Amino acid sequence: MTQQVEQTIRVPQAGRNTLGGVIRSEWIKLMSLRSMRITLLLTFLAGVGISTLGAIVMVQYSSDITSLENGATYLLQAMQPPIMFLGLLFGVIGVFAISSEYSSGMILSTLAATPRRGRVFSAKLFVVTLISLIAAVLTLGVGQLIAIMLAPEAIKGIGNEQYLTAWAGSVLFLVAMTLFAFGVAGILRSTAGGIAVVAGLTFVAPIALSFASMAGKAWIDWIMNHLQLMLGNVLSMGNVEVPVDMGGTGVTWGEAAISIVVWALIALIPACLLFLKRDAK
């Protein structure tokens, strides 16, 4: 009799907890956050607005943008102004992507539903990478579209190699900043702490190292030239035959691309290890 009762009230087995299902759940959770939606909207509006202002200024003061080179220069100078500011906003997106669950305590429910932590971290990483990639392409793309509408003849510059690499470098910089911030927030498990670290490395560290560089130490100059802000400047200027001398960095586009990826890995690797090992509280 007891066995029959147990069989009657047995709960049906749930479906398999697949990586695709975890990715869908992470996407829903992340996009349901009001702070994330507001940040994405502000990022888009700020990027497009600053790019449009830059294009307007270029149209008023440029005498000729009809050639391939001049068209590419016009589009580049319309795209570059918001890049550094967008780097910070994309960093905020990366922080929100993981710290929000710790601040609300939802991380306990997430790990209870999906005990395999590696799968959870991989899903979170995939979703935040996808969101940052889409946001970067849309923000830069709409800004460039408006710039072309203001000066249709500049469309000739799209095929320029420097322009194409500048576009790719700008997207890479923004995505890498998001992943770096995601890793930092995963280590600290704090929204305020994550944003403070990202803002400090992006804006405060270059100022501090610029004063320290007065000592004439080569290693200080090397560190300053490989900070994210400097790397973003180089990447947004495109790949040229000689190193881009943006403030005396002398860092090539390829070196900047590798360095910005290394920055992201520096934060992501320990964040992943800590997520797998330490207590969720």
C-alpha atoms as a PDB file:
ATOM      1  CA  MET A   1       0.000   0.000   0.000  1.00  0.00           C
ATOM      2  CA  THR A   2       2.818   2.395   0.922  1.00  0.00           C
ATOM      3  CA  GLN A   3       4.616   1.670  -2.323  1.00  0.00           C
ATOM      4  CA  GLN A   4       1.461   2.421  -4.325  1.00  0.00           C
ATOM      5  CA  VAL A   5       1.057   5.804  -2.579  1.00  0.00           C
ATOM      6  CA  GLU A   6       4.684   6.705  -3.273  1.00  0.00           C
ATOM      7  CA  GLN A   7       4.221   5.886  -6.943  1.00  0.00           C
ATOM      8  CA  THR A   8       1.066   7.986  -7.096  1.00  0.00           C
ATOM      9  CA  ILE A   9       2.576  11.178  -5.683  1.00  0.00           C
ATOM     10  CA  ARG A  10       5.931  10.874  -7.466  1.00  0.00           C
ATOM     11  CA  VAL A  11       6.766  14.106  -9.300  1.00  0.00           C
ATOM     12  CA  PRO A  12       7.487  13.679 -13.012  1.00  0.00           C
ATOM     13  CA  GLN A  13      11.160  14.057 -13.906  1.00  0.00           C
ATOM     14  CA  ALA A  14      12.063  17.455 -15.310  1.00  0.00           C
ATOM     15  CA  GLY A  15      13.662  17.888 -18.712  1.00  0.00           C
ATOM     16  CA  ARG A  16      17.402  17.901 -19.165  1.00  0.00           C
ATOM     17  CA  ASN A  17      19.223  20.994 -17.992  1.00  0.00           C
ATOM     18  CA  THR A  18      21.028  21.792 -21.244  1.00  0.00           C
ATOM     19  CA  LEU A  19      23.468  24.591 -21.986  1.00  0.00           C
ATOM     20  CA  GLY A  20      20.990  26.074 -24.443  1.00  0.00           C
ATOM     21  CA  GLY A  21      18.323  26.212 -21.769  1.00  0.00           C
ATOM     22  CA  VAL A  22      20.695  27.845 -19.302  1.00  0.00           C
ATOM     23  CA  ILE A  23      21.681  30.418 -21.936  1.00  0.00           C
ATOM     24  CA  ARG A  24      18.020  31.248 -22.570  1.00  0.00           C
ATOM     25  CA  SER A  25      17.367  31.645 -18.852  1.00  0.00           C
ATOM     26  CA  GLU A  26      20.410  33.897 -18.440  1.00  0.00           C
ATOM     27  CA  TRP A  27      19.267  36.040 -21.371  1.00  0.00           C
ATOM     28  CA  ILE A  28      15.797  36.419 -19.860  1.00  0.00           C
ATOM     29  CA  LYS A  29      17.180  37.273 -16.418  1.00  0.00           C
ATOM     30  CA  LEU A  30      19.629  39.817 -17.743  1.00  0.00           C
ATOM     31  CA  MET A  31      17.240  41.589 -20.088  1.00  0.00           C
ATOM     32  CA  SER A  32      14.550  41.706 -17.395  1.00  0.00           C
ATOM     33  CA  LEU A  33      16.769  43.938 -15.241  1.00  0.00           C
ATOM     34  CA  ARG A  34      15.616  47.542 -15.343  1.00  0.00           C
ATOM     35  CA  SER A  35      19.138  48.783 -14.694  1.00  0.00           C
ATOM     36  CA  MET A  36      20.442  46.801 -17.676  1.00  0.00           C
ATOM     37  CA  ARG A  37      17.752  48.098 -20.032  1.00  0.00           C
ATOM     38  CA  ILE A  38      18.312  51.687 -18.919  1.00  0.00           C
ATOM     39  CA  THR A  39      22.098  51.368 -19.263  1.00  0.00           C
ATOM     40  CA  LEU A  40      21.790  49.891 -22.748  1.00  0.00           C
ATOM     41  CA  LEU A  41      19.440  52.693 -23.802  1.00  0.00           C
ATOM     42  CA  LEU A  42      21.682  55.416 -22.379  1.00  0.00           C
ATOM     43  CA  THR A  43      24.712  53.801 -24.006  1.00  0.00           C
ATOM     44  CA  PHE A  44      23.009  53.781 -27.388  1.00  0.00           C
ATOM     45  CA  LEU A  45      21.743  57.361 -27.108  1.00  0.00           C
ATOM     46  CA  ALA A  46      25.084  58.686 -25.842  1.00  0.00           C
ATOM     47  CA  GLY A  47      27.098  56.923 -28.519  1.00  0.00           C
ATOM     48  CA  VAL A  48      24.835  57.977 -31.371  1.00  0.00           C
ATOM     49  CA  GLY A  49      24.479  61.526 -30.034  1.00  0.00           C
ATOM     50  CA  ILE A  50      28.208  62.172 -29.630  1.00  0.00           C
ATOM     51  CA  SER A  51      28.941  60.605 -33.014  1.00  0.00           C
ATOM     52  CA  THR A  52      26.305  62.793 -34.654  1.00  0.00           C
ATOM     53  CA  LEU A  53      27.765  65.938 -33.108  1.00  0.00           C
ATOM     54  CA  GLY A  54      31.195  64.958 -34.372  1.00  0.00           C
ATOM     55  CA  ALA A  55      29.814  64.406 -37.868  1.00  0.00           C
ATOM     56  CA  ILE A  56      28.068  67.780 -37.858  1.00  0.00           C
ATOM     57  CA  VAL A  57      31.295  69.535 -36.897  1.00  0.00           C
ATOM     58  CA  MET A  58      33.219  67.673 -39.598  1.00  0.00           C
ATOM     59  CA  VAL A  59      30.665  68.576 -42.280  1.00  0.00           C
ATOM     60  CA  GLN A  60      30.846  72.255 -41.355  1.00  0.00           C
ATOM     61  CA  TYR A  61      34.639  72.507 -41.300  1.00  0.00           C
ATOM     62  CA  SER A  62      35.745  69.935 -43.882  1.00  0.00           C
ATOM     63  CA  SER A  63      36.341  71.333 -47.359  1.00  0.00           C
ATOM     64  CA  ASP A  64      36.418  68.009 -49.245  1.00  0.00           C
ATOM     65  CA  ILE A  65      35.258  64.549 -48.187  1.00  0.00           C
ATOM     66  CA  THR A  66      34.568  63.166 -51.639  1.00  0.00           C
ATOM     67  CA  SER A  67      37.753  61.110 -52.007  1.00  0.00           C
ATOM     68  CA  LEU A  68      38.279  57.653 -50.548  1.00  0.00           C
ATOM     69  CA  GLU A  69      40.813  58.853 -47.985  1.00  0.00           C
ATOM     70  CA  ASN A  70      38.876  61.950 -46.975  1.00  0.00           C
ATOM     71  CA  GLY A  71      35.648  59.992 -46.703  1.00  0.00           C
ATOM     72  CA  ALA A  72      37.322  57.445 -44.439  1.00  0.00           C
ATOM     73  CA  THR A  73      38.833  60.228 -42.328  1.00  0.00           C
ATOM     74  CA  TYR A  74      35.423  61.847 -41.950  1.00  0.00           C
ATOM     75  CA  LEU A  75      33.795  58.590 -40.857  1.00  0.00           C
ATOM     76  CA  LEU A  76      36.640  57.816 -38.460  1.00  0.00           C
ATOM     77  CA  GLN A  77      36.455  61.223 -36.815  1.00  0.00           C
ATOM     78  CA  ALA A  78      32.711  60.795 -36.433  1.00  0.00           C
ATOM     79  CA  MET A  79      33.171  57.379 -34.794  1.00  0.00           C
ATOM     80  CA  GLN A  80      36.114  58.060 -32.479  1.00  0.00           C
ATOM     81  CA  PRO A  81      34.760  60.760 -30.092  1.00  0.00           C
ATOM     82  CA  PRO A  82      32.343  58.527 -28.143  1.00  0.00           C
ATOM     83  CA  ILE A  83      34.606  55.460 -27.929  1.00  0.00           C
ATOM     84  CA  MET A  84      36.276  56.243 -24.591  1.00  0.00           C
ATOM     85  CA  PHE A  85      33.010  57.250 -22.932  1.00  0.00           C
ATOM     86  CA  LEU A  86      31.335  54.152 -24.333  1.00  0.00           C
ATOM     87  CA  GLY A  87      34.143  52.055 -22.866  1.00  0.00           C
ATOM     88  CA  LEU A  88      32.998  53.010 -19.367  1.00  0.00           C
ATOM     89  CA  LEU A  89      29.318  52.435 -20.144  1.00  0.00           C
ATOM     90  CA  PHE A  90      30.027  49.021 -21.611  1.00  0.00           C
ATOM     91  CA  GLY A  91      32.004  48.304 -18.462  1.00  0.00           C
ATOM     92  CA  VAL A  92      28.897  49.096 -16.426  1.00  0.00           C
ATOM     93  CA  ILE A  93      26.962  46.620 -18.564  1.00  0.00           C
ATOM     94  CA  GLY A  94      29.525  43.944 -17.756  1.00  0.00           C
ATOM     95  CA  VAL A  95      29.316  44.684 -14.040  1.00  0.00           C
ATOM     96  CA  PHE A  96      25.512  44.480 -13.987  1.00  0.00           C
ATOM     97  CA  ALA A  97      25.609  41.187 -15.882  1.00  0.00           C
ATOM     98  CA  ILE A  98      26.860  39.271 -12.836  1.00  0.00           C
ATOM     99  CA  SER A  99      26.797  41.501  -9.745  1.00  0.00           C
ATOM    100  CA  SER A 100      23.023  41.985  -9.848  1.00  0.00           C
ATOM    101  CA  GLU A 101      22.449  38.343  -8.940  1.00  0.00           C
ATOM    102  CA  TYR A 102      24.721  38.577  -5.919  1.00  0.00           C
ATOM    103  CA  SER A 103      23.117  41.790  -4.652  1.00  0.00           C
ATOM    104  CA  SER A 104      19.608  40.324  -4.964  1.00  0.00           C
ATOM    105  CA  GLY A 105      20.525  36.840  -3.747  1.00  0.00           C
ATOM    106  CA  MET A 106      19.198  35.272  -6.955  1.00  0.00           C
ATOM    107  CA  ILE A 107      22.528  33.529  -7.477  1.00  0.00           C
ATOM    108  CA  LEU A 108      21.448  30.938  -4.870  1.00  0.00           C
ATOM    109  CA  SER A 109      18.359  30.073  -6.918  1.00  0.00           C
ATOM    110  CA  THR A 110      20.414  29.973 -10.099  1.00  0.00           C
ATOM    111  CA  LEU A 111      22.898  27.492  -8.665  1.00  0.00           C
ATOM    112  CA  ALA A 112      20.104  25.427  -7.095  1.00  0.00           C
ATOM    113  CA  ALA A 113      18.446  25.101 -10.498  1.00  0.00           C
ATOM    114  CA  THR A 114      21.762  24.477 -12.291  1.00  0.00           C
ATOM    115  CA  PRO A 115      24.309  22.938  -9.905  1.00  0.00           C
ATOM    116  CA  ARG A 116      26.939  22.672 -12.643  1.00  0.00           C
ATOM    117  CA  ARG A 117      28.688  25.990 -12.081  1.00  0.00           C
ATOM    118  CA  GLY A 118      30.832  25.766 -15.176  1.00  0.00           C
ATOM    119  CA  ARG A 119      27.693  25.653 -17.290  1.00  0.00           C
ATOM    120  CA  VAL A 120      26.245  28.673 -15.477  1.00  0.00           C
ATOM    121  CA  PHE A 121      29.403  30.741 -15.900  1.00  0.00           C
ATOM    122  CA  SER A 122      29.719  29.769 -19.566  1.00  0.00           C
ATOM    123  CA  ALA A 123      26.106  30.777 -20.192  1.00  0.00           C
ATOM    124  CA  LYS A 124      26.567  34.110 -18.450  1.00  0.00           C
ATOM    125  CA  LEU A 125      29.762  34.773 -20.397  1.00  0.00           C
ATOM    126  CA  PHE A 126      28.107  33.920 -23.708  1.00  0.00           C
ATOM    127  CA  VAL A 127      25.081  36.110 -23.034  1.00  0.00           C
ATOM    128  CA  VAL A 128      27.046  39.163 -21.907  1.00  0.00           C
ATOM    129  CA  THR A 129      29.379  38.786 -24.898  1.00  0.00           C
ATOM    130  CA  LEU A 130      26.419  38.601 -27.276  1.00  0.00           C
ATOM    131  CA  ILE A 131      24.661  41.583 -25.699  1.00  0.00           C
ATOM    132  CA  SER A 132      27.797  43.731 -25.771  1.00  0.00           C
ATOM    133  CA  LEU A 133      28.520  42.744 -29.381  1.00  0.00           C
ATOM    134  CA  ILE A 134      24.994  43.623 -30.510  1.00  0.00           C
ATOM    135  CA  ALA A 135      25.042  46.890 -28.553  1.00  0.00           C
ATOM    136  CA  ALA A 136      28.443  47.876 -29.965  1.00  0.00           C
ATOM    137  CA  VAL A 137      27.486  47.139 -33.574  1.00  0.00           C
ATOM    138  CA  LEU A 138      24.136  48.929 -33.287  1.00  0.00           C
ATOM    139  CA  THR A 139      25.529  51.979 -31.494  1.00  0.00           C
ATOM    140  CA  LEU A 140      28.461  52.470 -33.839  1.00  0.00           C
ATOM    141  CA  GLY A 141      26.435  51.468 -36.896  1.00  0.00           C
ATOM    142  CA  VAL A 142      23.612  53.930 -36.326  1.00  0.00           C
ATOM    143  CA  GLY A 143      26.124  56.694 -35.586  1.00  0.00           C
ATOM    144  CA  GLN A 144      27.929  55.968 -38.854  1.00  0.00           C
ATOM    145  CA  LEU A 145      24.647  55.791 -40.752  1.00  0.00           C
ATOM    146  CA  ILE A 146      23.716  59.264 -39.541  1.00  0.00           C
ATOM    147  CA  ALA A 147      27.183  60.520 -40.498  1.00  0.00           C
ATOM    148  CA  ILE A 148      26.697  59.152 -44.025  1.00  0.00           C
ATOM    149  CA  MET A 149      23.266  60.769 -44.227  1.00  0.00           C
ATOM    150  CA  LEU A 150      24.861  64.114 -43.377  1.00  0.00           C
ATOM    151  CA  ALA A 151      27.568  63.621 -46.047  1.00  0.00           C
ATOM    152  CA  PRO A 152      26.485  60.932 -48.557  1.00  0.00           C
ATOM    153  CA  GLU A 153      29.719  61.254 -50.553  1.00  0.00           C
ATOM    154  CA  ALA A 154      31.653  59.875 -47.556  1.00  0.00           C
ATOM    155  CA  ILE A 155      30.275  56.410 -48.284  1.00  0.00           C
ATOM    156  CA  LYS A 156      33.300  55.909 -50.543  1.00  0.00           C
ATOM    157  CA  GLY A 157      35.471  55.692 -47.443  1.00  0.00           C
ATOM    158  CA  ILE A 158      33.796  52.514 -46.181  1.00  0.00           C
ATOM    159  CA  GLY A 159      36.102  50.360 -48.269  1.00  0.00           C
ATOM    160  CA  ASN A 160      39.229  51.915 -46.805  1.00  0.00           C
ATOM    161  CA  GLU A 161      41.384  49.417 -44.877  1.00  0.00           C
ATOM    162  CA  GLN A 162      42.057  51.821 -42.045  1.00  0.00           C
ATOM    163  CA  TYR A 163      38.334  52.471 -41.641  1.00  0.00           C
ATOM    164  CA  LEU A 164      37.455  48.770 -41.597  1.00  0.00           C
ATOM    165  CA  THR A 165      40.114  47.961 -39.006  1.00  0.00           C
ATOM    166  CA  ALA A 166      39.068  50.976 -36.941  1.00  0.00           C
ATOM    167  CA  TRP A 167      35.495  49.678 -36.970  1.00  0.00           C
ATOM    168  CA  ALA A 168      36.601  46.197 -35.949  1.00  0.00           C
ATOM    169  CA  GLY A 169      38.975  47.587 -33.329  1.00  0.00           C
ATOM    170  CA  SER A 170      36.284  49.777 -31.794  1.00  0.00           C
ATOM    171  CA  VAL A 171      33.891  46.843 -31.484  1.00  0.00           C
ATOM    172  CA  LEU A 172      36.660  44.674 -30.032  1.00  0.00           C
ATOM    173  CA  PHE A 173      37.529  47.347 -27.486  1.00  0.00           C
ATOM    174  CA  LEU A 174      33.928  47.741 -26.292  1.00  0.00           C
ATOM    175  CA  VAL A 175      33.309  43.991 -26.032  1.00  0.00           C
ATOM    176  CA  ALA A 176      36.629  43.472 -24.230  1.00  0.00           C
ATOM    177  CA  MET A 177      35.799  46.254 -21.769  1.00  0.00           C
ATOM    178  CA  THR A 178      32.481  44.532 -21.053  1.00  0.00           C
ATOM    179  CA  LEU A 179      34.165  41.182 -20.428  1.00  0.00           C
ATOM    180  CA  PHE A 180      36.869  42.754 -18.271  1.00  0.00           C
ATOM    181  CA  ALA A 181      34.232  44.444 -16.128  1.00  0.00           C
ATOM    182  CA  PHE A 182      32.258  41.180 -16.002  1.00  0.00           C
ATOM    183  CA  GLY A 183      35.341  39.433 -14.632  1.00  0.00           C
ATOM    184  CA  VAL A 184      36.079  42.167 -12.095  1.00  0.00           C
ATOM    185  CA  ALA A 185      32.493  42.119 -10.815  1.00  0.00           C
ATOM    186  CA  GLY A 186      32.630  38.326 -10.651  1.00  0.00           C
ATOM    187  CA  ILE A 187      35.712  38.551  -8.453  1.00  0.00           C
ATOM    188  CA  LEU A 188      34.382  41.303  -6.174  1.00  0.00           C
ATOM    189  CA  ARG A 189      30.678  40.287  -6.268  1.00  0.00           C
ATOM    190  CA  SER A 190      29.851  43.957  -5.842  1.00  0.00           C
ATOM    191  CA  THR A 191      28.234  46.424  -8.245  1.00  0.00           C
ATOM    192  CA  ALA A 192      29.803  49.497  -6.665  1.00  0.00           C
ATOM    193  CA  GLY A 193      33.202  47.844  -6.365  1.00  0.00           C
ATOM    194  CA  GLY A 194      33.169  46.643  -9.958  1.00  0.00           C
ATOM    195  CA  ILE A 195      32.244  50.038 -11.368  1.00  0.00           C
ATOM    196  CA  ALA A 196      34.866  51.733  -9.167  1.00  0.00           C
ATOM    197  CA  VAL A 197      37.637  49.434 -10.417  1.00  0.00           C
ATOM    198  CA  VAL A 198      36.633  49.832 -14.066  1.00  0.00           C
ATOM    199  CA  ALA A 199      36.352  53.612 -13.797  1.00  0.00           C
ATOM    200  CA  GLY A 200      39.640  53.800 -11.904  1.00  0.00           C
ATOM    201  CA  LEU A 201      41.588  51.809 -14.486  1.00  0.00           C
ATOM    202  CA  THR A 202      39.921  53.593 -17.380  1.00  0.00           C
ATOM    203  CA  PHE A 203      40.217  57.223 -16.287  1.00  0.00           C
ATOM    204  CA  VAL A 204      42.153  57.586 -13.021  1.00  0.00           C
ATOM    205  CA  ALA A 205      45.136  55.293 -13.731  1.00  0.00           C
ATOM    206  CA  PRO A 206      46.201  57.124 -16.929  1.00  0.00           C
ATOM    207  CA  ILE A 207      46.267  60.443 -15.060  1.00  0.00           C
ATOM    208  CA  ALA A 208      48.273  58.996 -12.169  1.00  0.00           C
ATOM    209  CA  LEU A 209      50.766  57.290 -14.468  1.00  0.00           C
ATOM    210  CA  SER A 210      51.172  60.429 -16.555  1.00  0.00           C
ATOM    211  CA  PHE A 211      52.553  62.158 -13.453  1.00  0.00           C
ATOM    212  CA  ALA A 212      54.681  59.123 -12.587  1.00  0.00           C
ATOM    213  CA  SER A 213      56.129  59.092 -16.112  1.00  0.00           C
ATOM    214  CA  MET A 214      57.972  62.315 -15.258  1.00  0.00           C
ATOM    215  CA  ALA A 215      60.476  60.072 -13.476  1.00  0.00           C
ATOM    216  CA  GLY A 216      61.632  58.920 -16.893  1.00  0.00           C
ATOM    217  CA  LYS A 217      61.226  55.193 -16.195  1.00  0.00           C
ATOM    218  CA  ALA A 218      60.659  53.109 -19.320  1.00  0.00           C
ATOM    219  CA  TRP A 219      58.514  50.548 -17.499  1.00  0.00           C
ATOM    220  CA  ILE A 220      56.097  53.251 -16.345  1.00  0.00           C
ATOM    221  CA  ASP A 221      55.684  54.446 -19.923  1.00  0.00           C
ATOM    222  CA  TRP A 222      55.123  50.850 -21.066  1.00  0.00           C
ATOM    223  CA  ILE A 223      52.370  50.318 -18.495  1.00  0.00           C
ATOM    224  CA  MET A 224      50.685  53.614 -19.350  1.00  0.00           C
ATOM    225  CA  ASN A 225      50.776  52.832 -23.075  1.00  0.00           C
ATOM    226  CA  HIS A 226      49.057  49.492 -22.441  1.00  0.00           C
ATOM    227  CA  LEU A 227      46.216  50.787 -20.289  1.00  0.00           C
ATOM    228  CA  GLN A 228      42.763  50.236 -21.745  1.00  0.00           C
ATOM    229  CA  LEU A 229      42.197  53.903 -22.520  1.00  0.00           C
ATOM    230  CA  MET A 230      45.343  54.109 -24.634  1.00  0.00           C
ATOM    231  CA  LEU A 231      44.620  50.790 -26.317  1.00  0.00           C
ATOM    232  CA  GLY A 232      41.117  51.952 -27.191  1.00  0.00           C
ATOM    233  CA  ASN A 233      42.559  55.074 -28.826  1.00  0.00           C
ATOM    234  CA  VAL A 234      44.865  52.975 -30.997  1.00  0.00           C
ATOM    235  CA  LEU A 235      42.191  50.442 -31.943  1.00  0.00           C
ATOM    236  CA  SER A 236      39.681  53.142 -32.914  1.00  0.00           C
ATOM    237  CA  MET A 237      42.199  54.734 -35.286  1.00  0.00           C
ATOM    238  CA  GLY A 238      42.590  51.613 -37.395  1.00  0.00           C
ATOM    239  CA  ASN A 239      45.505  49.588 -38.653  1.00  0.00           C
ATOM    240  CA  VAL A 240      48.115  51.745 -40.365  1.00  0.00           C
ATOM    241  CA  GLU A 241      51.594  50.959 -41.616  1.00  0.00           C
ATOM    242  CA  VAL A 242      53.338  52.742 -38.760  1.00  0.00           C
ATOM    243  CA  PRO A 243      52.510  52.667 -35.022  1.00  0.00           C
ATOM    244  CA  VAL A 244      49.812  55.129 -34.109  1.00  0.00           C
ATOM    245  CA  ASP A 245      51.371  57.911 -32.095  1.00  0.00           C
ATOM    246  CA  MET A 246      48.361  58.729 -29.941  1.00  0.00           C
ATOM    247  CA  GLY A 247      49.923  60.625 -27.096  1.00  0.00           C
ATOM    248  CA  GLY A 248      53.285  59.018 -27.796  1.00  0.00           C
ATOM    249  CA  THR A 249      52.169  55.394 -27.323  1.00  0.00           C
ATOM    250  CA  GLY A 250      53.952  53.917 -30.332  1.00  0.00           C
ATOM    251  CA  VAL A 251      51.702  50.824 -30.019  1.00  0.00           C
ATOM    252  CA  THR A 252      50.599  49.153 -33.230  1.00  0.00           C
ATOM    253  CA  TRP A 253      47.003  48.177 -33.917  1.00  0.00           C
ATOM    254  CA  GLY A 254      47.841  44.476 -33.692  1.00  0.00           C
ATOM    255  CA  GLU A 255      49.617  44.903 -30.359  1.00  0.00           C
ATOM    256  CA  ALA A 256      46.663  46.870 -29.030  1.00  0.00           C
ATOM    257  CA  ALA A 257      44.222  44.158 -30.119  1.00  0.00           C
ATOM    258  CA  ILE A 258      46.212  41.452 -28.339  1.00  0.00           C
ATOM    259  CA  SER A 259      46.662  43.607 -25.232  1.00  0.00           C
ATOM    260  CA  ILE A 260      42.968  44.419 -24.848  1.00  0.00           C
ATOM    261  CA  VAL A 261      42.123  40.695 -25.081  1.00  0.00           C
ATOM    262  CA  VAL A 262      44.745  39.974 -22.416  1.00  0.00           C
ATOM    263  CA  TRP A 263      43.107  42.571 -20.162  1.00  0.00           C
ATOM    264  CA  ALA A 264      39.795  40.715 -20.465  1.00  0.00           C
ATOM    265  CA  LEU A 265      41.429  37.342 -19.723  1.00  0.00           C
ATOM    266  CA  ILE A 266      43.223  38.748 -16.669  1.00  0.00           C
ATOM    267  CA  ALA A 267      39.834  39.346 -15.074  1.00  0.00           C
ATOM    268  CA  LEU A 268      37.841  36.457 -16.571  1.00  0.00           C
ATOM    269  CA  ILE A 269      40.154  33.579 -15.614  1.00  0.00           C
ATOM    270  CA  PRO A 270      40.260  34.242 -11.838  1.00  0.00           C
ATOM    271  CA  ALA A 271      36.561  35.142 -11.894  1.00  0.00           C
ATOM    272  CA  CYS A 272      35.769  31.742 -13.425  1.00  0.00           C
ATOM    273  CA  LEU A 273      37.974  29.871 -10.949  1.00  0.00           C
ATOM    274  CA  LEU A 274      36.431  31.669  -7.982  1.00  0.00           C
ATOM    275  CA  PHE A 275      32.918  31.080  -9.291  1.00  0.00           C
ATOM    276  CA  LEU A 276      33.616  27.355  -9.489  1.00  0.00           C
ATOM    277  CA  LYS A 277      35.227  27.011  -6.052  1.00  0.00           C
ATOM    278  CA  ARG A 278      33.931  29.458  -3.479  1.00  0.00           C
ATOM    279  CA  ASP A 279      30.644  29.677  -1.612  1.00  0.00           C
ATOM    280  CA  ALA A 280      27.789  31.373  -3.452  1.00  0.00           C
ATOM    281  CA  LYS A 281      26.774  33.618  -0.564  1.00  0.00           C
END
